[in-house]
Amino acid sequence: MINLARAVGIALLSLSSMGVSAQQGVTKTEITLGSIQDLSGPLAGYGKQIRMGMLLRIDELHEQGGVQGRKIKLLVEDSGYDPRKAALAAQKLVNQDKVFMVVGSLGTAQNIAAMPIQFEKNVINFFPVTAAREMYEPFHRLKYSYAATYFDGIRGSLPNLVKEKGSKKVCIMYQDDEFGLEVLRGGEAGLKTMGMEFAEKTSYKRGATDFSSQVAKMKAASCDLVVLGTIIRETIGAIAESRKTGFNPVFLGSSAAYTDLIHKLGGKAMDGLYATMTTQHPYLDEATQPLRFWANKYKTKFNEDPTTFSAYGYTLIDAFIRGAQKAGANLTTDTFIKAMDTMTIPADIFGAPEATFSPTKRLGNDMMRLSQIQDGRWKVVSGYVKPPAN
């Protein structure tokens, strides 16, 4: 028995000296991260940009020597913006690839489908690229979210815009799913603070391309301000159809519509659109030197102009690196959580505000500001607005 115990002890010591870790996805030299993106569906533009932003920050990290000497290996699976495919992707990443963490996954319904699979294996869902409240509510120790929510963004911004424009009839067109419903609820909550309700509500199914009936309905209701619970092509389609029919209300989109693809694909008709946002779109000729330097560095590497979603990918990996560095050489799920729960992430070059976390606070920041498309580019037009108390 003594010899057996001695043999076991020697074996364990040997494994330790080889850098073998009991923590899934972490070795002495590498951290394996997973991400679920839309690379083939309606949000493939976003998915590609998020991935490239993540890769840029990972390359910088490797030039600096890694996290506690470890490099990051990023595995990206395609959901096609389909929750069922996202669940299958999560199963592969967690059970087959054995990732340490899933980071920056795109889409509300997609994250909701994937999280239970991840949580069953003690895998954190870190900084998903969606502003839905489900990314941090109900509380779960394996949830961390950085995106001020669609709900709070519209709830906080809509009353100010209604007052500024003197709007009398506010309407909404929204995607009939978890994302669109969050925009609807935020709008209802914001209007309630003013003693108002939506004059008209109209929805569409995910994947729809014809919005003529929805626009006709809002025009018939004489809407002078329209909240859009839409993403890329739906935002463009709704506004283009409105302009064509002579219907020209004020349009307010959520942060899901804050992308250069709106004005690049939609053209001059998109001028005037407002959207809630935090992270500023990084134009190559941006006035601030740090942002201009970053944008040109991205363009040099990928031969493409960066976007807001490129910045999302970059900053979420930067936040992971901060947490992993703080966790120390013994990187585990528990040490990472302990590090994040006392974390303050400072305001960044993209204008996003400071984010703080605690053992009971898993949303880093709940403030939003407004941008508007003016002459074919986004211009920040308001300071940060904190949502009203419930």
Protein backbone atom coordinates (compact mmCIF):
# COMPACT_ATOMS: atom_id res chain seq x y z
CA MET A 1 0.00 0.00 0.00
CA ILE A 2 2.85 2.38 0.86
CA ASN A 3 4.53 1.70 -2.49
CA LEU A 4 1.22 2.24 -4.32
CA ALA A 5 0.64 5.56 -2.57
CA ARG A 6 4.20 6.60 -3.38
CA ALA A 7 3.70 5.67 -7.03
CA VAL A 8 0.49 7.70 -7.25
CA GLY A 9 2.20 10.69 -5.66
CA ILE A 10 5.09 10.49 -8.14
CA ALA A 11 2.63 10.27 -11.04
CA LEU A 12 0.71 13.34 -9.88
CA LEU A 13 3.94 15.27 -9.39
CA SER A 14 5.00 14.28 -12.89
CA LEU A 15 1.73 15.49 -14.40
CA SER A 16 2.04 18.76 -12.52
CA SER A 17 5.56 19.34 -13.79
CA MET A 18 4.36 18.74 -17.35
CA GLY A 19 1.81 21.54 -16.97
CA VAL A 20 -1.23 19.27 -17.24
CA SER A 21 -4.28 21.05 -15.82
CA ALA A 22 -7.55 19.67 -14.56
CA GLN A 23 -9.21 22.77 -15.99
CA GLN A 24 -10.86 22.16 -19.36
CA GLY A 25 -9.41 24.32 -22.12
CA VAL A 26 -6.30 25.43 -20.21
CA THR A 27 -2.79 24.02 -20.55
CA LYS A 28 0.58 25.40 -19.54
CA THR A 29 0.95 27.08 -22.94
CA GLU A 30 -2.57 27.63 -24.29
CA ILE A 31 -6.12 28.77 -23.51
CA THR A 32 -8.82 27.47 -25.88
CA LEU A 33 -11.79 29.77 -26.36
CA GLY A 34 -14.92 29.14 -28.41
CA SER A 35 -17.29 31.53 -30.13
CA ILE A 36 -20.59 31.01 -31.97
CA GLN A 37 -21.06 33.44 -34.86
CA ASP A 38 -23.32 33.84 -37.85
CA LEU A 39 -20.92 33.21 -40.75
CA SER A 40 -23.48 32.17 -43.37
CA GLY A 41 -26.86 33.71 -42.44
CA PRO A 42 -28.46 37.18 -42.38
CA LEU A 43 -25.93 38.55 -39.85
CA ALA A 44 -22.84 37.05 -41.48
CA GLY A 45 -21.45 40.57 -41.91
CA TYR A 46 -21.51 41.04 -38.14
CA GLY A 47 -20.10 37.57 -37.44
CA LYS A 48 -17.13 38.10 -39.76
CA GLN A 49 -16.35 41.49 -38.23
CA ILE A 50 -16.57 40.24 -34.63
CA ARG A 51 -14.20 37.37 -35.46
CA MET A 52 -11.63 39.68 -37.07
CA GLY A 53 -11.76 42.08 -34.15
CA MET A 54 -11.12 39.20 -31.76
CA LEU A 55 -8.21 37.95 -33.88
CA LEU A 56 -6.58 41.41 -33.94
CA ARG A 57 -6.51 41.58 -30.14
CA ILE A 58 -5.28 37.98 -29.89
CA ASP A 59 -2.42 38.76 -32.29
CA GLU A 60 -1.45 41.76 -30.17
CA LEU A 61 -1.50 39.58 -27.06
CA HIS A 62 0.81 37.01 -28.63
CA GLU A 63 3.25 39.75 -29.61
CA GLN A 64 3.25 40.75 -25.93
CA GLY A 65 3.96 37.21 -24.69
CA GLY A 66 0.45 35.92 -23.98
CA VAL A 67 -1.58 35.63 -20.76
CA GLN A 68 0.75 34.36 -18.04
CA GLY A 69 2.79 32.88 -20.90
CA ARG A 70 -0.25 31.23 -22.51
CA LYS A 71 -1.44 31.86 -26.06
CA ILE A 72 -5.11 31.98 -26.98
CA LYS A 73 -6.56 29.50 -29.46
CA LEU A 74 -9.92 30.72 -30.83
CA LEU A 75 -12.40 28.22 -32.31
CA VAL A 76 -15.35 29.78 -34.16
CA GLU A 77 -18.50 27.81 -35.05
CA ASP A 78 -21.21 28.97 -37.47
CA SER A 79 -24.82 29.23 -36.25
CA GLY A 80 -26.26 30.68 -39.47
CA TYR A 81 -28.30 32.82 -37.02
CA ASP A 82 -30.32 29.69 -36.20
CA PRO A 83 -30.83 28.84 -32.50
CA ARG A 84 -30.85 25.11 -33.25
CA LYS A 85 -27.49 25.33 -35.00
CA ALA A 86 -26.19 27.45 -32.12
CA ALA A 87 -27.11 24.67 -29.68
CA LEU A 88 -25.24 22.12 -31.83
CA ALA A 89 -22.26 24.47 -32.03
CA ALA A 90 -22.23 24.80 -28.23
CA GLN A 91 -22.28 21.02 -27.85
CA LYS A 92 -19.27 20.71 -30.17
CA LEU A 93 -17.28 23.46 -28.49
CA VAL A 94 -17.98 22.27 -24.96
CA ASN A 95 -17.92 18.48 -25.34
CA GLN A 96 -15.64 17.85 -28.31
CA ASP A 97 -13.29 20.83 -28.46
CA LYS A 98 -13.39 21.24 -24.67
CA VAL A 99 -13.10 25.02 -24.64
CA PHE A 100 -12.37 26.94 -21.47
CA MET A 101 -14.97 29.59 -22.21
CA VAL A 102 -17.43 30.70 -24.90
CA VAL A 103 -16.84 34.36 -25.78
CA GLY A 104 -18.60 36.97 -27.88
CA SER A 105 -21.32 34.74 -29.34
CA LEU A 106 -23.71 36.62 -31.62
CA GLY A 107 -27.50 36.75 -31.29
CA THR A 108 -30.12 36.71 -28.56
CA ALA A 109 -31.97 33.49 -29.39
CA GLN A 110 -28.67 31.83 -30.25
CA ASN A 111 -27.12 32.58 -26.85
CA ILE A 112 -30.29 31.51 -25.05
CA ALA A 113 -30.14 28.16 -26.86
CA ALA A 114 -26.43 27.64 -26.15
CA MET A 115 -26.12 28.73 -22.52
CA PRO A 116 -27.75 25.70 -20.82
CA ILE A 117 -25.36 23.38 -22.70
CA GLN A 118 -22.38 25.46 -21.62
CA PHE A 119 -23.51 25.83 -18.02
CA GLU A 120 -23.96 22.08 -17.62
CA LYS A 121 -20.20 21.78 -18.17
CA ASN A 122 -19.28 24.83 -16.05
CA VAL A 123 -18.36 26.91 -19.12
CA ILE A 124 -18.80 30.69 -18.82
CA ASN A 125 -20.81 32.68 -21.39
CA PHE A 126 -18.62 35.76 -21.64
CA PHE A 127 -19.62 39.10 -23.20
CA PRO A 128 -22.13 37.84 -25.79
CA VAL A 129 -22.76 40.24 -28.68
CA THR A 130 -26.40 40.88 -27.92
CA ALA A 131 -28.00 43.46 -25.70
CA ALA A 132 -30.75 41.24 -24.32
CA ARG A 133 -31.38 41.16 -20.57
CA GLU A 134 -31.24 37.35 -20.60
CA MET A 135 -27.46 37.66 -20.96
CA TYR A 136 -27.26 38.56 -17.27
CA GLU A 137 -30.77 37.87 -15.92
CA PRO A 138 -31.73 35.80 -14.10
CA PHE A 139 -28.44 35.84 -12.23
CA HIS A 140 -26.06 32.97 -12.96
CA ARG A 141 -22.43 32.77 -11.87
CA LEU A 142 -21.42 31.82 -15.43
CA LYS A 143 -22.96 34.89 -17.12
CA TYR A 144 -21.02 38.08 -17.90
CA SER A 145 -22.48 40.78 -20.14
CA TYR A 146 -21.06 44.12 -21.25
CA ALA A 147 -23.76 45.41 -23.60
CA ALA A 148 -26.20 47.98 -22.25
CA THR A 149 -29.51 46.38 -23.13
CA TYR A 150 -31.91 46.97 -26.00
CA PHE A 151 -34.56 47.43 -23.32
CA ASP A 152 -32.65 50.08 -21.36
CA GLY A 153 -31.33 51.80 -24.48
CA ILE A 154 -34.79 52.41 -25.92
CA ARG A 155 -36.38 53.01 -22.50
CA GLY A 156 -33.82 55.71 -21.72
CA SER A 157 -33.51 57.35 -25.16
CA LEU A 158 -37.08 57.32 -26.50
CA PRO A 159 -38.63 59.84 -24.03
CA ASN A 160 -35.87 62.38 -24.73
CA LEU A 161 -36.30 62.04 -28.49
CA VAL A 162 -40.10 62.29 -28.24
CA LYS A 163 -39.74 65.53 -26.30
CA GLU A 164 -37.07 66.92 -28.64
CA LYS A 165 -39.14 66.21 -31.76
CA GLY A 166 -42.53 67.03 -30.24
CA SER A 167 -43.86 63.66 -31.35
CA LYS A 168 -47.54 62.93 -30.82
CA LYS A 169 -47.92 59.45 -32.31
CA VAL A 170 -45.15 56.94 -31.64
CA CYS A 171 -45.27 53.56 -33.40
CA ILE A 172 -43.07 50.47 -33.54
CA MET A 173 -42.09 47.84 -36.08
CA TYR A 174 -40.24 44.89 -34.55
CA GLN A 175 -38.89 41.42 -35.26
CA ASP A 176 -41.21 38.80 -33.78
CA ASP A 177 -38.66 37.08 -31.54
CA GLU A 178 -36.74 37.59 -28.28
CA PHE A 179 -34.71 40.46 -29.75
CA GLY A 180 -37.67 42.41 -31.15
CA LEU A 181 -39.74 41.91 -28.01
CA GLU A 182 -36.98 43.48 -25.91
CA VAL A 183 -37.11 46.61 -28.08
CA LEU A 184 -40.92 46.63 -27.82
CA ARG A 185 -40.85 46.32 -24.03
CA GLY A 186 -38.21 49.04 -23.73
CA GLY A 187 -40.34 51.37 -25.85
CA GLU A 188 -43.45 50.64 -23.82
CA ALA A 189 -41.58 51.30 -20.58
CA GLY A 190 -40.11 54.57 -21.89
CA LEU A 191 -43.47 55.87 -23.14
CA LYS A 192 -45.13 54.91 -19.86
CA THR A 193 -42.91 57.44 -18.05
CA MET A 194 -44.56 60.10 -20.26
CA GLY A 195 -48.11 58.78 -19.92
CA MET A 196 -48.04 57.60 -23.55
CA GLU A 197 -48.54 54.32 -25.42
CA PHE A 198 -47.64 53.16 -28.92
CA ALA A 199 -50.22 54.38 -31.43
CA GLU A 200 -49.51 51.36 -33.63
CA LYS A 201 -47.52 48.13 -33.29
CA THR A 202 -46.55 45.95 -36.21
CA SER A 203 -44.18 42.98 -36.42
CA TYR A 204 -42.52 40.71 -38.97
CA LYS A 205 -41.06 37.20 -38.92
CA ARG A 206 -37.30 36.74 -38.79
CA GLY A 207 -35.99 36.52 -42.37
CA ALA A 208 -38.76 38.65 -43.91
CA THR A 209 -37.83 40.88 -46.88
CA ASP A 210 -41.10 42.68 -47.71
CA PHE A 211 -42.26 45.35 -45.26
CA SER A 212 -44.87 47.13 -47.37
CA SER A 213 -47.83 46.06 -45.22
CA GLN A 214 -46.10 47.12 -41.99
CA VAL A 215 -45.18 50.52 -43.42
CA ALA A 216 -48.70 51.04 -44.81
CA LYS A 217 -50.13 50.28 -41.37
CA MET A 218 -47.90 52.86 -39.65
CA LYS A 219 -48.51 55.47 -42.35
CA ALA A 220 -52.27 55.01 -41.96
CA ALA A 221 -51.86 55.63 -38.22
CA SER A 222 -50.08 58.96 -38.96
CA CYS A 223 -47.03 57.94 -36.91
CA ASP A 224 -44.50 60.76 -36.55
CA LEU A 225 -41.83 58.70 -34.73
CA VAL A 226 -41.15 55.01 -35.40
CA VAL A 227 -39.10 52.74 -33.14
CA LEU A 228 -37.41 49.99 -35.16
CA GLY A 229 -36.79 46.62 -33.51
CA THR A 230 -34.86 45.68 -36.64
CA ILE A 231 -31.31 44.68 -37.58
CA ILE A 232 -29.63 45.25 -40.99
CA ARG A 233 -31.78 44.50 -44.04
CA GLU A 234 -35.02 45.03 -42.11
CA THR A 235 -33.92 48.52 -41.07
CA ILE A 236 -32.95 49.36 -44.63
CA GLY A 237 -36.11 47.77 -46.07
CA ALA A 238 -38.47 49.54 -43.69
CA ILE A 239 -36.91 52.99 -44.19
CA ALA A 240 -36.57 52.58 -47.97
CA GLU A 241 -40.22 51.51 -48.27
CA SER A 242 -41.27 54.47 -46.11
CA ARG A 243 -39.34 57.00 -48.18
CA LYS A 244 -40.80 55.50 -51.39
CA THR A 245 -44.35 56.01 -50.14
CA GLY A 246 -43.74 59.53 -48.82
CA PHE A 247 -43.86 58.42 -45.18
CA ASN A 248 -41.08 60.25 -43.34
CA PRO A 249 -41.30 59.95 -39.55
CA VAL A 250 -38.33 60.13 -37.18
CA PHE A 251 -36.77 56.65 -37.05
CA LEU A 252 -35.11 55.32 -33.88
CA GLY A 253 -33.28 51.98 -33.96
CA SER A 254 -31.67 49.96 -31.20
CA SER A 255 -27.95 49.24 -30.96
CA ALA A 256 -28.57 46.27 -33.31
CA ALA A 257 -29.07 48.80 -36.11
CA TYR A 258 -25.93 50.79 -35.28
CA THR A 259 -23.74 49.59 -38.13
CA ASP A 260 -22.07 51.14 -41.16
CA LEU A 261 -23.86 48.54 -43.29
CA ILE A 262 -27.06 50.60 -42.94
CA HIS A 263 -25.73 53.62 -44.80
CA LYS A 264 -23.41 51.62 -47.07
CA LEU A 265 -26.20 49.37 -48.34
CA GLY A 266 -29.16 51.72 -47.91
CA GLY A 267 -27.64 54.88 -49.31
CA LYS A 268 -28.93 58.43 -48.93
CA ALA A 269 -32.39 57.28 -47.82
CA MET A 270 -30.89 56.21 -44.49
CA ASP A 271 -29.89 59.76 -43.53
CA GLY A 272 -31.68 60.86 -40.37
CA LEU A 273 -31.89 57.46 -38.69
CA TYR A 274 -31.11 57.54 -34.96
CA ALA A 275 -29.76 54.53 -33.06
CA THR A 276 -28.77 53.84 -29.49
CA MET A 277 -25.11 52.93 -29.05
CA THR A 278 -22.05 52.89 -26.81
CA THR A 279 -19.04 51.85 -28.91
CA GLN A 280 -18.31 54.40 -31.61
CA HIS A 281 -17.97 53.36 -35.26
CA PRO A 282 -14.23 53.52 -36.08
CA TYR A 283 -13.93 55.53 -39.29
CA LEU A 284 -10.41 55.56 -40.80
CA ASP A 285 -10.29 59.38 -40.72
CA GLU A 286 -11.63 59.61 -37.16
CA ALA A 287 -10.59 62.80 -35.39
CA THR A 288 -9.10 61.10 -32.32
CA GLN A 289 -5.60 59.77 -32.95
CA PRO A 290 -5.86 56.52 -30.93
CA LEU A 291 -9.05 55.48 -32.72
CA ARG A 292 -7.62 56.46 -36.12
CA PHE A 293 -4.44 54.47 -35.39
CA TRP A 294 -6.47 51.41 -34.38
CA ALA A 295 -8.71 51.63 -37.47
CA ASN A 296 -5.74 51.82 -39.82
CA LYS A 297 -4.03 48.93 -38.05
CA TYR A 298 -7.16 46.82 -38.60
CA LYS A 299 -7.34 47.89 -42.27
CA THR A 300 -3.69 46.92 -42.78
CA LYS A 301 -4.22 43.44 -41.34
CA PHE A 302 -7.54 42.50 -42.96
CA ASN A 303 -7.68 44.83 -46.00
CA GLU A 304 -11.15 45.92 -44.87
CA ASP A 305 -12.43 48.96 -43.03
CA PRO A 306 -13.26 48.17 -39.39
CA THR A 307 -16.78 48.44 -38.01
CA THR A 308 -18.50 48.76 -34.66
CA PHE A 309 -18.69 44.97 -34.55
CA SER A 310 -14.95 44.74 -35.18
CA ALA A 311 -14.55 46.95 -32.11
CA TYR A 312 -16.91 44.70 -30.12
CA GLY A 313 -14.76 41.67 -30.94
CA TYR A 314 -11.57 43.50 -30.04
CA THR A 315 -12.82 44.88 -26.72
CA LEU A 316 -14.45 41.68 -25.50
CA ILE A 317 -11.19 39.76 -25.99
CA ASP A 318 -9.36 42.59 -24.24
CA ALA A 319 -11.77 42.19 -21.29
CA PHE A 320 -11.15 38.44 -21.21
CA ILE A 321 -7.39 39.07 -21.17
CA ARG A 322 -7.77 41.48 -18.24
CA GLY A 323 -9.73 38.87 -16.28
CA ALA A 324 -7.35 36.03 -17.13
CA GLN A 325 -4.28 38.10 -16.21
CA LYS A 326 -5.86 39.03 -12.89
CA ALA A 327 -6.76 35.38 -12.21
CA GLY A 328 -3.05 34.54 -12.22
CA ALA A 329 -1.09 31.48 -13.33
CA ASN A 330 -3.68 29.07 -11.92
CA LEU A 331 -6.41 29.89 -14.45
CA THR A 332 -9.66 28.07 -13.71
CA THR A 333 -13.33 28.92 -13.99
CA ASP A 334 -13.38 29.75 -10.28
CA THR A 335 -10.26 31.95 -10.31
CA PHE A 336 -11.53 33.80 -13.38
CA ILE A 337 -14.89 34.47 -11.72
CA LYS A 338 -13.13 35.69 -8.58
CA ALA A 339 -11.03 38.06 -10.69
CA MET A 340 -13.98 39.38 -12.71
CA ASP A 341 -16.10 39.97 -9.65
CA THR A 342 -13.77 42.75 -8.51
CA MET A 343 -13.06 44.02 -12.03
CA THR A 344 -13.29 47.58 -13.33
CA ILE A 345 -12.72 47.97 -17.07
CA PRO A 346 -11.85 51.58 -17.91
CA ALA A 347 -13.48 53.65 -20.65
CA ASP A 348 -11.93 52.76 -24.01
CA ILE A 349 -10.83 54.46 -27.23
CA PHE A 350 -14.24 53.74 -28.80
CA GLY A 351 -16.03 55.88 -26.22
CA ALA A 352 -17.65 53.04 -24.28
CA PRO A 353 -18.01 53.98 -20.61
CA GLU A 354 -16.34 52.32 -17.63
CA ALA A 355 -17.68 48.86 -16.81
CA THR A 356 -17.75 47.34 -13.33
CA PHE A 357 -18.61 43.87 -12.06
CA SER A 358 -19.25 42.27 -8.67
CA PRO A 359 -20.47 38.95 -7.24
CA THR A 360 -24.03 40.25 -7.75
CA LYS A 361 -23.57 42.56 -10.79
CA ARG A 362 -23.00 40.85 -14.14
CA LEU A 363 -23.82 43.71 -16.53
CA GLY A 364 -20.85 46.03 -16.82
CA ASN A 365 -22.70 49.16 -17.92
CA ASP A 366 -26.35 50.14 -18.44
CA MET A 367 -25.94 53.55 -20.14
CA MET A 368 -26.54 54.42 -23.80
CA ARG A 369 -26.09 57.42 -26.08
CA LEU A 370 -27.52 58.34 -29.49
CA SER A 371 -25.95 58.51 -32.92
CA GLN A 372 -27.56 59.70 -36.15
CA ILE A 373 -26.68 59.04 -39.77
CA GLN A 374 -25.76 62.41 -41.23
CA ASP A 375 -24.45 62.68 -44.80
CA GLY A 376 -23.77 58.94 -44.97
CA ARG A 377 -21.95 58.39 -41.68
CA TRP A 378 -22.78 57.97 -38.02
CA LYS A 379 -22.34 61.02 -35.81
CA VAL A 380 -22.68 60.88 -32.01
CA VAL A 381 -25.44 63.36 -31.09
CA SER A 382 -25.98 62.87 -27.34
CA GLY A 383 -24.16 62.14 -24.13
CA TYR A 384 -24.79 59.00 -22.11
CA VAL A 385 -28.27 58.57 -20.66
CA LYS A 386 -28.87 56.35 -17.65
CA PRO A 387 -32.18 54.51 -17.91
CA PRO A 388 -34.90 55.65 -15.49
CA ALA A 389 -35.44 53.62 -12.34
CA ASN A 390 -38.01 50.86 -12.63
